[in-house]
Amino acid sequence: MAEALVPEASRAWHAGAGAWAGVTDVNSASIGIELANTGRQPFAEPQMAALEVLLAGILQRWGIPAHRVIAHSDMAPSRKRDPGAKFDWRRLAVQGLSVWPEAGEADVAAFLPALSQFGYPKATEADLLAGFRLRFRPMARGPLDRVDAGLAFDLAARFPVDAAGRSA
């Protein structure tokens, strides 16, 4: 059951320290949605269905584009891991409630610049790779590879932000 703990127009401390697309005070520039899940099992169907209705309404009310729907692990990859590898981001993307990268490969040197261009904050390559994979390649293991770079490059090409954090 969805319940508003804080009105959407009010500031909440839901995100903690982090950044996205040049915004360093994410709490003042976002609406947080808290989901109950340990991260060890997939999110229940009724919870995902309720999230879809809630998220669609928020995006419409506030004019938020789907590429600005992010995870805690996106805006604070050095310290956050939620919603985790079991969250179905692709399902949201299919409904236009988030984004999903197109398959492809690129030189691994393109990975960090592409993540920055898409909106990810500064962090170590290891933390950025872990956060990126939680969302877009949850089953991937090992070092940064050409697939990671290709997916990041695709997102940056389709949804770039400028130096001030605005969608280009």
N, C-alpha and C. Protein backbone atom coordinates (compact mmCIF):
# COMPACT_ATOMS: atom_id res chain seq x y z
N MET A 1 0.85 -1.19 0.00
CA MET A 1 0.00 0.00 0.00
C MET A 1 0.89 1.24 0.00
N ALA A 2 0.67 2.14 -0.94
CA ALA A 2 1.45 3.36 -1.04
C ALA A 2 0.92 4.39 -0.06
N GLU A 3 1.84 4.96 0.69
CA GLU A 3 1.47 5.97 1.67
C GLU A 3 2.51 7.08 1.62
N ALA A 4 2.07 8.32 1.49
CA ALA A 4 2.98 9.45 1.46
C ALA A 4 3.44 9.78 2.87
N LEU A 5 4.73 9.66 3.10
CA LEU A 5 5.28 10.03 4.40
C LEU A 5 5.59 11.52 4.45
N VAL A 6 5.88 12.10 3.29
CA VAL A 6 6.17 13.52 3.17
C VAL A 6 5.45 14.00 1.90
N PRO A 7 4.76 15.13 1.94
CA PRO A 7 4.12 15.64 0.72
C PRO A 7 5.16 15.82 -0.39
N GLU A 8 4.78 15.53 -1.63
CA GLU A 8 5.70 15.61 -2.76
C GLU A 8 6.38 16.97 -2.89
N ALA A 9 5.70 18.03 -2.56
CA ALA A 9 6.27 19.37 -2.70
C ALA A 9 7.21 19.75 -1.56
N SER A 10 7.29 18.92 -0.53
CA SER A 10 8.15 19.22 0.62
C SER A 10 9.49 18.51 0.50
N ARG A 11 10.48 19.11 1.13
CA ARG A 11 11.82 18.51 1.14
C ARG A 11 11.86 17.40 2.18
N ALA A 12 12.47 16.29 1.81
CA ALA A 12 12.65 15.18 2.73
C ALA A 12 14.11 14.75 2.68
N TRP A 13 14.55 14.06 3.70
CA TRP A 13 15.93 13.55 3.75
C TRP A 13 15.93 12.10 3.31
N HIS A 14 15.38 11.83 2.15
CA HIS A 14 15.25 10.46 1.67
C HIS A 14 16.50 9.94 0.98
N ALA A 15 17.29 10.80 0.40
CA ALA A 15 18.41 10.34 -0.41
C ALA A 15 19.74 10.36 0.32
N GLY A 16 19.89 11.25 1.28
CA GLY A 16 21.19 11.40 1.91
C GLY A 16 22.16 12.09 0.96
N ALA A 17 23.43 12.01 1.28
CA ALA A 17 24.45 12.66 0.46
C ALA A 17 24.61 11.94 -0.86
N GLY A 18 24.68 12.72 -1.92
CA GLY A 18 24.87 12.15 -3.25
C GLY A 18 24.66 13.24 -4.28
N ALA A 19 24.78 12.86 -5.55
CA ALA A 19 24.62 13.83 -6.63
C ALA A 19 24.09 13.11 -7.85
N TRP A 20 23.46 13.89 -8.72
CA TRP A 20 23.01 13.35 -10.01
C TRP A 20 22.92 14.50 -11.00
N ALA A 21 23.52 14.33 -12.15
CA ALA A 21 23.44 15.31 -13.24
C ALA A 21 23.77 16.72 -12.77
N GLY A 22 24.79 16.83 -11.94
CA GLY A 22 25.23 18.13 -11.45
C GLY A 22 24.48 18.65 -10.24
N VAL A 23 23.42 17.99 -9.83
CA VAL A 23 22.67 18.40 -8.64
C VAL A 23 23.34 17.75 -7.43
N THR A 24 23.82 18.58 -6.51
CA THR A 24 24.52 18.04 -5.34
C THR A 24 23.64 17.96 -4.10
N ASP A 25 22.47 18.54 -4.13
CA ASP A 25 21.51 18.43 -3.04
C ASP A 25 20.29 17.68 -3.57
N VAL A 26 20.44 16.39 -3.74
CA VAL A 26 19.40 15.57 -4.34
C VAL A 26 18.11 15.63 -3.53
N ASN A 27 18.22 15.74 -2.21
CA ASN A 27 17.02 15.80 -1.37
C ASN A 27 16.11 16.97 -1.72
N SER A 28 16.68 18.08 -2.14
CA SER A 28 15.88 19.26 -2.47
C SER A 28 15.34 19.24 -3.90
N ALA A 29 15.82 18.31 -4.71
CA ALA A 29 15.46 18.31 -6.12
C ALA A 29 14.86 16.99 -6.56
N SER A 30 14.29 16.25 -5.63
CA SER A 30 13.77 14.93 -6.00
C SER A 30 12.60 14.53 -5.10
N ILE A 31 11.91 13.50 -5.56
CA ILE A 31 10.84 12.88 -4.78
C ILE A 31 11.28 11.45 -4.55
N GLY A 32 11.42 11.06 -3.30
CA GLY A 32 11.88 9.72 -2.98
C GLY A 32 10.74 8.74 -2.84
N ILE A 33 10.97 7.54 -3.33
CA ILE A 33 10.01 6.44 -3.17
C ILE A 33 10.74 5.33 -2.43
N GLU A 34 10.24 4.96 -1.29
CA GLU A 34 10.85 3.90 -0.49
C GLU A 34 10.11 2.60 -0.75
N LEU A 35 10.88 1.56 -1.06
CA LEU A 35 10.32 0.23 -1.31
C LEU A 35 10.85 -0.74 -0.26
N ALA A 36 9.98 -1.59 0.25
CA ALA A 36 10.38 -2.57 1.25
C ALA A 36 10.83 -3.85 0.54
N ASN A 37 12.11 -4.15 0.67
CA ASN A 37 12.66 -5.36 0.08
C ASN A 37 14.07 -5.53 0.63
N THR A 38 14.43 -6.73 0.99
CA THR A 38 15.77 -6.98 1.54
C THR A 38 16.85 -6.97 0.48
N GLY A 39 16.46 -7.04 -0.78
CA GLY A 39 17.42 -7.10 -1.87
C GLY A 39 17.83 -8.52 -2.22
N ARG A 40 17.34 -9.49 -1.48
CA ARG A 40 17.69 -10.89 -1.74
C ARG A 40 16.66 -11.63 -2.57
N GLN A 41 15.50 -10.99 -2.80
CA GLN A 41 14.47 -11.62 -3.62
C GLN A 41 13.87 -10.58 -4.56
N PRO A 42 13.26 -11.04 -5.66
CA PRO A 42 12.62 -10.08 -6.56
C PRO A 42 11.52 -9.31 -5.84
N PHE A 43 11.22 -8.15 -6.35
CA PHE A 43 10.15 -7.33 -5.78
C PHE A 43 8.82 -7.98 -6.16
N ALA A 44 7.91 -8.03 -5.20
CA ALA A 44 6.62 -8.68 -5.40
C ALA A 44 5.80 -7.97 -6.47
N GLU A 45 5.02 -8.75 -7.21
CA GLU A 45 4.19 -8.20 -8.28
C GLU A 45 3.27 -7.08 -7.79
N PRO A 46 2.55 -7.25 -6.66
CA PRO A 46 1.68 -6.14 -6.21
C PRO A 46 2.48 -4.87 -5.90
N GLN A 47 3.69 -5.02 -5.39
CA GLN A 47 4.52 -3.86 -5.09
C GLN A 47 4.97 -3.16 -6.38
N MET A 48 5.37 -3.93 -7.37
CA MET A 48 5.77 -3.34 -8.65
C MET A 48 4.58 -2.66 -9.33
N ALA A 49 3.42 -3.28 -9.29
CA ALA A 49 2.23 -2.69 -9.90
C ALA A 49 1.86 -1.37 -9.22
N ALA A 50 1.94 -1.35 -7.89
CA ALA A 50 1.64 -0.12 -7.14
C ALA A 50 2.68 0.96 -7.46
N LEU A 51 3.95 0.56 -7.56
CA LEU A 51 5.00 1.51 -7.91
C LEU A 51 4.75 2.12 -9.28
N GLU A 52 4.35 1.31 -10.25
CA GLU A 52 4.10 1.81 -11.60
C GLU A 52 3.02 2.88 -11.61
N VAL A 53 1.96 2.67 -10.88
CA VAL A 53 0.88 3.66 -10.81
C VAL A 53 1.38 4.94 -10.12
N LEU A 54 2.07 4.77 -8.99
CA LEU A 54 2.60 5.91 -8.25
C LEU A 54 3.60 6.69 -9.09
N LEU A 55 4.54 6.00 -9.69
CA LEU A 55 5.57 6.66 -10.47
C LEU A 55 5.00 7.37 -11.70
N ALA A 56 4.07 6.74 -12.39
CA ALA A 56 3.45 7.39 -13.55
C ALA A 56 2.78 8.71 -13.13
N GLY A 57 2.11 8.70 -12.00
CA GLY A 57 1.47 9.92 -11.51
C GLY A 57 2.47 11.01 -11.16
N ILE A 58 3.55 10.63 -10.49
CA ILE A 58 4.59 11.60 -10.12
C ILE A 58 5.22 12.20 -11.37
N LEU A 59 5.57 11.37 -12.33
CA LEU A 59 6.19 11.88 -13.56
C LEU A 59 5.26 12.85 -14.29
N GLN A 60 3.99 12.51 -14.33
CA GLN A 60 3.02 13.39 -15.00
C GLN A 60 2.83 14.69 -14.22
N ARG A 61 2.62 14.60 -12.91
CA ARG A 61 2.36 15.81 -12.11
C ARG A 61 3.52 16.80 -12.15
N TRP A 62 4.72 16.30 -12.15
CA TRP A 62 5.90 17.15 -12.04
C TRP A 62 6.66 17.33 -13.36
N GLY A 63 6.19 16.71 -14.43
CA GLY A 63 6.87 16.84 -15.71
C GLY A 63 8.29 16.28 -15.70
N ILE A 64 8.48 15.18 -15.02
CA ILE A 64 9.81 14.57 -14.91
C ILE A 64 9.98 13.57 -16.06
N PRO A 65 11.07 13.70 -16.82
CA PRO A 65 11.31 12.73 -17.89
C PRO A 65 11.79 11.40 -17.31
N ALA A 66 11.53 10.33 -18.02
CA ALA A 66 11.87 8.99 -17.54
C ALA A 66 13.36 8.82 -17.26
N HIS A 67 14.23 9.53 -17.99
CA HIS A 67 15.66 9.36 -17.76
C HIS A 67 16.13 10.00 -16.46
N ARG A 68 15.25 10.72 -15.78
CA ARG A 68 15.61 11.30 -14.49
C ARG A 68 15.13 10.45 -13.32
N VAL A 69 14.57 9.29 -13.59
CA VAL A 69 14.21 8.33 -12.54
C VAL A 69 15.47 7.53 -12.24
N ILE A 70 15.96 7.65 -11.02
CA ILE A 70 17.23 7.02 -10.65
C ILE A 70 17.09 6.24 -9.35
N ALA A 71 18.13 5.51 -9.05
CA ALA A 71 18.20 4.72 -7.82
C ALA A 71 19.15 5.39 -6.83
N HIS A 72 19.04 5.00 -5.57
CA HIS A 72 20.04 5.46 -4.59
C HIS A 72 21.43 5.05 -5.05
N SER A 73 21.55 3.86 -5.62
CA SER A 73 22.86 3.38 -6.07
C SER A 73 23.38 4.17 -7.27
N ASP A 74 22.54 4.92 -7.95
CA ASP A 74 22.99 5.80 -9.03
C ASP A 74 23.56 7.10 -8.46
N MET A 75 22.85 7.70 -7.52
CA MET A 75 23.27 9.02 -7.03
C MET A 75 24.31 8.96 -5.91
N ALA A 76 24.50 7.79 -5.33
CA ALA A 76 25.52 7.62 -4.28
C ALA A 76 26.18 6.25 -4.42
N PRO A 77 26.84 6.00 -5.56
CA PRO A 77 27.37 4.66 -5.81
C PRO A 77 28.45 4.22 -4.84
N SER A 78 29.05 5.14 -4.12
CA SER A 78 30.09 4.76 -3.15
C SER A 78 29.51 4.25 -1.84
N ARG A 79 28.22 4.52 -1.59
CA ARG A 79 27.67 4.12 -0.30
C ARG A 79 26.29 3.47 -0.34
N LYS A 80 25.63 3.49 -1.48
CA LYS A 80 24.27 2.94 -1.56
C LYS A 80 24.22 1.78 -2.55
N ARG A 81 23.38 0.80 -2.26
CA ARG A 81 23.22 -0.36 -3.14
C ARG A 81 21.75 -0.65 -3.43
N ASP A 82 20.85 0.22 -3.04
CA ASP A 82 19.43 -0.05 -3.26
C ASP A 82 18.90 0.74 -4.46
N PRO A 83 17.91 0.19 -5.12
CA PRO A 83 17.08 -0.93 -4.73
C PRO A 83 17.70 -2.30 -4.96
N GLY A 84 18.84 -2.39 -5.62
CA GLY A 84 19.55 -3.65 -5.74
C GLY A 84 19.33 -4.39 -7.05
N ALA A 85 20.03 -5.50 -7.15
CA ALA A 85 20.07 -6.29 -8.38
C ALA A 85 18.75 -6.98 -8.71
N LYS A 86 17.88 -7.14 -7.75
CA LYS A 86 16.61 -7.84 -7.98
C LYS A 86 15.49 -6.91 -8.43
N PHE A 87 15.76 -5.60 -8.49
CA PHE A 87 14.75 -4.65 -8.92
C PHE A 87 14.63 -4.67 -10.44
N ASP A 88 13.42 -4.65 -10.96
CA ASP A 88 13.18 -4.79 -12.39
C ASP A 88 13.11 -3.44 -13.11
N TRP A 89 14.28 -2.87 -13.38
CA TRP A 89 14.35 -1.59 -14.08
C TRP A 89 13.86 -1.69 -15.51
N ARG A 90 14.12 -2.81 -16.15
CA ARG A 90 13.69 -2.98 -17.54
C ARG A 90 12.17 -2.91 -17.63
N ARG A 91 11.48 -3.49 -16.66
CA ARG A 91 10.01 -3.44 -16.64
C ARG A 91 9.53 -2.00 -16.63
N LEU A 92 10.15 -1.17 -15.80
CA LEU A 92 9.76 0.24 -15.75
C LEU A 92 10.06 0.93 -17.08
N ALA A 93 11.21 0.61 -17.67
CA ALA A 93 11.60 1.24 -18.93
C ALA A 93 10.63 0.90 -20.06
N VAL A 94 10.18 -0.33 -20.10
CA VAL A 94 9.23 -0.75 -21.15
C VAL A 94 7.96 0.10 -21.08
N GLN A 95 7.59 0.54 -19.89
CA GLN A 95 6.39 1.35 -19.71
C GLN A 95 6.67 2.85 -19.79
N GLY A 96 7.89 3.22 -20.09
CA GLY A 96 8.23 4.63 -20.20
C GLY A 96 8.42 5.31 -18.85
N LEU A 97 8.68 4.51 -17.81
CA LEU A 97 8.83 5.05 -16.47
C LEU A 97 10.30 5.14 -16.04
N SER A 98 11.17 4.73 -16.88
CA SER A 98 12.61 4.77 -16.67
C SER A 98 13.25 4.58 -18.03
N VAL A 99 14.55 4.38 -18.08
CA VAL A 99 15.23 4.15 -19.35
C VAL A 99 16.03 2.85 -19.28
N TRP A 100 16.33 2.32 -20.46
CA TRP A 100 17.13 1.11 -20.57
C TRP A 100 18.06 1.30 -21.76
N PRO A 101 19.33 0.94 -21.61
CA PRO A 101 20.27 1.14 -22.71
C PRO A 101 20.12 0.09 -23.81
N GLU A 102 20.46 0.50 -25.02
CA GLU A 102 20.51 -0.41 -26.16
C GLU A 102 21.83 -1.16 -26.10
N ALA A 103 21.80 -2.42 -26.50
CA ALA A 103 23.01 -3.23 -26.50
C ALA A 103 24.04 -2.67 -27.46
N GLY A 104 25.28 -2.84 -27.10
CA GLY A 104 26.37 -2.40 -27.95
C GLY A 104 27.67 -2.50 -27.20
N GLU A 105 28.74 -2.23 -27.87
CA GLU A 105 30.05 -2.26 -27.25
C GLU A 105 30.78 -0.97 -27.58
N ALA A 106 31.69 -0.61 -26.69
CA ALA A 106 32.53 0.57 -26.89
C ALA A 106 33.85 0.34 -26.18
N ASP A 107 34.81 1.15 -26.50
CA ASP A 107 36.10 1.08 -25.82
C ASP A 107 35.88 1.38 -24.33
N VAL A 108 36.54 0.64 -23.47
CA VAL A 108 36.34 0.84 -22.02
C VAL A 108 36.72 2.25 -21.59
N ALA A 109 37.55 2.92 -22.34
CA ALA A 109 37.91 4.31 -22.01
C ALA A 109 36.70 5.24 -22.09
N ALA A 110 35.65 4.83 -22.79
CA ALA A 110 34.44 5.65 -22.92
C ALA A 110 33.54 5.54 -21.70
N PHE A 111 33.76 4.57 -20.83
CA PHE A 111 32.84 4.30 -19.74
C PHE A 111 32.67 5.48 -18.77
N LEU A 112 33.74 5.94 -18.16
CA LEU A 112 33.62 7.02 -17.17
C LEU A 112 33.09 8.32 -17.77
N PRO A 113 33.61 8.78 -18.92
CA PRO A 113 33.03 9.98 -19.51
C PRO A 113 31.54 9.82 -19.85
N ALA A 114 31.15 8.65 -20.31
CA ALA A 114 29.74 8.42 -20.65
C ALA A 114 28.87 8.46 -19.40
N LEU A 115 29.33 7.84 -18.32
CA LEU A 115 28.54 7.89 -17.08
C LEU A 115 28.37 9.32 -16.59
N SER A 116 29.42 10.10 -16.66
CA SER A 116 29.34 11.51 -16.26
C SER A 116 28.35 12.26 -17.16
N GLN A 117 28.41 12.00 -18.45
CA GLN A 117 27.51 12.67 -19.40
C GLN A 117 26.05 12.28 -19.18
N PHE A 118 25.81 11.07 -18.72
CA PHE A 118 24.45 10.61 -18.43
C PHE A 118 23.94 11.19 -17.11
N GLY A 119 24.83 11.46 -16.16
CA GLY A 119 24.41 12.06 -14.90
C GLY A 119 25.07 11.52 -13.65
N TYR A 120 25.79 10.43 -13.76
CA TYR A 120 26.41 9.84 -12.57
C TYR A 120 27.40 10.81 -11.92
N PRO A 121 27.51 10.78 -10.59
CA PRO A 121 28.43 11.67 -9.89
C PRO A 121 29.87 11.16 -9.95
N LYS A 122 30.78 11.96 -9.44
CA LYS A 122 32.17 11.54 -9.35
C LYS A 122 32.28 10.47 -8.27
N ALA A 123 32.99 9.41 -8.59
CA ALA A 123 33.26 8.32 -7.65
C ALA A 123 34.37 7.48 -8.28
N THR A 124 34.84 6.51 -7.56
CA THR A 124 35.86 5.64 -8.12
C THR A 124 35.26 4.80 -9.25
N GLU A 125 36.11 4.35 -10.15
CA GLU A 125 35.63 3.51 -11.25
C GLU A 125 34.96 2.26 -10.69
N ALA A 126 35.52 1.68 -9.64
CA ALA A 126 34.93 0.46 -9.06
C ALA A 126 33.53 0.72 -8.52
N ASP A 127 33.34 1.83 -7.82
CA ASP A 127 32.02 2.15 -7.28
C ASP A 127 31.03 2.46 -8.38
N LEU A 128 31.46 3.21 -9.39
CA LEU A 128 30.58 3.53 -10.51
C LEU A 128 30.19 2.27 -11.28
N LEU A 129 31.14 1.40 -11.51
CA LEU A 129 30.84 0.15 -12.20
C LEU A 129 29.85 -0.68 -11.39
N ALA A 130 30.06 -0.77 -10.09
CA ALA A 130 29.14 -1.55 -9.24
C ALA A 130 27.73 -0.96 -9.27
N GLY A 131 27.62 0.36 -9.13
CA GLY A 131 26.31 1.01 -9.17
C GLY A 131 25.63 0.86 -10.52
N PHE A 132 26.39 1.06 -11.58
CA PHE A 132 25.86 0.92 -12.94
C PHE A 132 25.36 -0.50 -13.19
N ARG A 133 26.16 -1.47 -12.80
CA ARG A 133 25.76 -2.86 -13.02
C ARG A 133 24.57 -3.26 -12.16
N LEU A 134 24.43 -2.73 -10.96
CA LEU A 134 23.25 -3.05 -10.15
C LEU A 134 21.98 -2.75 -10.94
N ARG A 135 22.02 -1.70 -11.70
CA ARG A 135 20.84 -1.27 -12.43
C ARG A 135 20.74 -1.87 -13.83
N PHE A 136 21.83 -1.87 -14.57
CA PHE A 136 21.76 -2.23 -15.98
C PHE A 136 22.35 -3.59 -16.36
N ARG A 137 23.17 -4.17 -15.50
CA ARG A 137 23.76 -5.49 -15.77
C ARG A 137 23.93 -6.25 -14.47
N PRO A 138 22.86 -6.53 -13.76
CA PRO A 138 22.99 -7.11 -12.41
C PRO A 138 23.67 -8.47 -12.35
N MET A 139 23.72 -9.19 -13.43
CA MET A 139 24.37 -10.51 -13.40
C MET A 139 25.83 -10.45 -13.85
N ALA A 140 26.31 -9.32 -14.30
CA ALA A 140 27.68 -9.19 -14.79
C ALA A 140 28.68 -9.23 -13.64
N ARG A 141 29.80 -9.84 -13.89
CA ARG A 141 30.89 -9.93 -12.91
C ARG A 141 32.20 -9.62 -13.62
N GLY A 142 33.21 -9.37 -12.84
CA GLY A 142 34.54 -9.16 -13.41
C GLY A 142 34.82 -7.69 -13.69
N PRO A 143 35.93 -7.45 -14.35
CA PRO A 143 36.33 -6.07 -14.61
C PRO A 143 35.43 -5.38 -15.64
N LEU A 144 35.54 -4.09 -15.66
CA LEU A 144 34.87 -3.26 -16.66
C LEU A 144 35.15 -3.85 -18.04
N ASP A 145 34.10 -3.94 -18.86
CA ASP A 145 34.29 -4.50 -20.19
C ASP A 145 33.62 -3.63 -21.25
N ARG A 146 33.76 -4.05 -22.50
CA ARG A 146 33.25 -3.29 -23.63
C ARG A 146 31.72 -3.19 -23.63
N VAL A 147 31.04 -4.18 -23.04
CA VAL A 147 29.58 -4.12 -22.96
C VAL A 147 29.16 -3.03 -21.98
N ASP A 148 29.80 -2.97 -20.80
CA ASP A 148 29.52 -1.88 -19.84
C ASP A 148 29.69 -0.54 -20.53
N ALA A 149 30.82 -0.38 -21.22
CA ALA A 149 31.11 0.89 -21.89
C ALA A 149 30.09 1.19 -22.97
N GLY A 150 29.68 0.17 -23.72
CA GLY A 150 28.69 0.39 -24.78
C GLY A 150 27.34 0.82 -24.24
N LEU A 151 26.90 0.19 -23.15
CA LEU A 151 25.62 0.56 -22.55
C LEU A 151 25.67 1.99 -22.00
N ALA A 152 26.77 2.32 -21.32
CA ALA A 152 26.92 3.67 -20.78
C ALA A 152 26.96 4.70 -21.91
N PHE A 153 27.70 4.38 -22.97
CA PHE A 153 27.80 5.28 -24.11
C PHE A 153 26.43 5.53 -24.73
N ASP A 154 25.63 4.48 -24.87
CA ASP A 154 24.28 4.63 -25.43
C ASP A 154 23.43 5.56 -24.56
N LEU A 155 23.45 5.38 -23.25
CA LEU A 155 22.66 6.24 -22.36
C LEU A 155 23.10 7.69 -22.47
N ALA A 156 24.42 7.91 -22.50
CA ALA A 156 24.94 9.28 -22.60
C ALA A 156 24.57 9.92 -23.93
N ALA A 157 24.57 9.14 -24.99
CA ALA A 157 24.24 9.68 -26.31
C ALA A 157 22.76 10.04 -26.40
N ARG A 158 21.90 9.25 -25.79
CA ARG A 158 20.46 9.49 -25.89
C ARG A 158 19.92 10.45 -24.83
N PHE A 159 20.59 10.52 -23.66
CA PHE A 159 20.07 11.33 -22.53
C PHE A 159 21.19 12.15 -21.89
N PRO A 160 21.89 12.98 -22.66
CA PRO A 160 23.01 13.74 -22.09
C PRO A 160 22.52 14.89 -21.20
N VAL A 161 23.39 15.27 -20.28
CA VAL A 161 23.15 16.46 -19.48
C VAL A 161 24.30 17.41 -19.73
N ASP A 162 24.03 18.71 -19.62
CA ASP A 162 25.10 19.67 -19.82
C ASP A 162 25.85 19.88 -18.51
N ALA A 163 26.82 20.77 -18.53
CA ALA A 163 27.66 20.99 -17.35
C ALA A 163 26.87 21.48 -16.15
N ALA A 164 25.72 22.08 -16.38
CA ALA A 164 24.88 22.55 -15.27
C ALA A 164 23.88 21.49 -14.83
N GLY A 165 23.92 20.30 -15.45
CA GLY A 165 23.03 19.23 -15.05
C GLY A 165 21.70 19.21 -15.76
N ARG A 166 21.53 20.09 -16.74
CA ARG A 166 20.25 20.12 -17.46
C ARG A 166 20.28 19.12 -18.61
N SER A 167 19.15 18.52 -18.87
CA SER A 167 19.05 17.61 -20.01
C SER A 167 19.27 18.40 -21.28
N ALA A 168 20.13 17.84 -22.14
CA ALA A 168 20.47 18.56 -23.37
C ALA A 168 19.36 18.41 -24.40
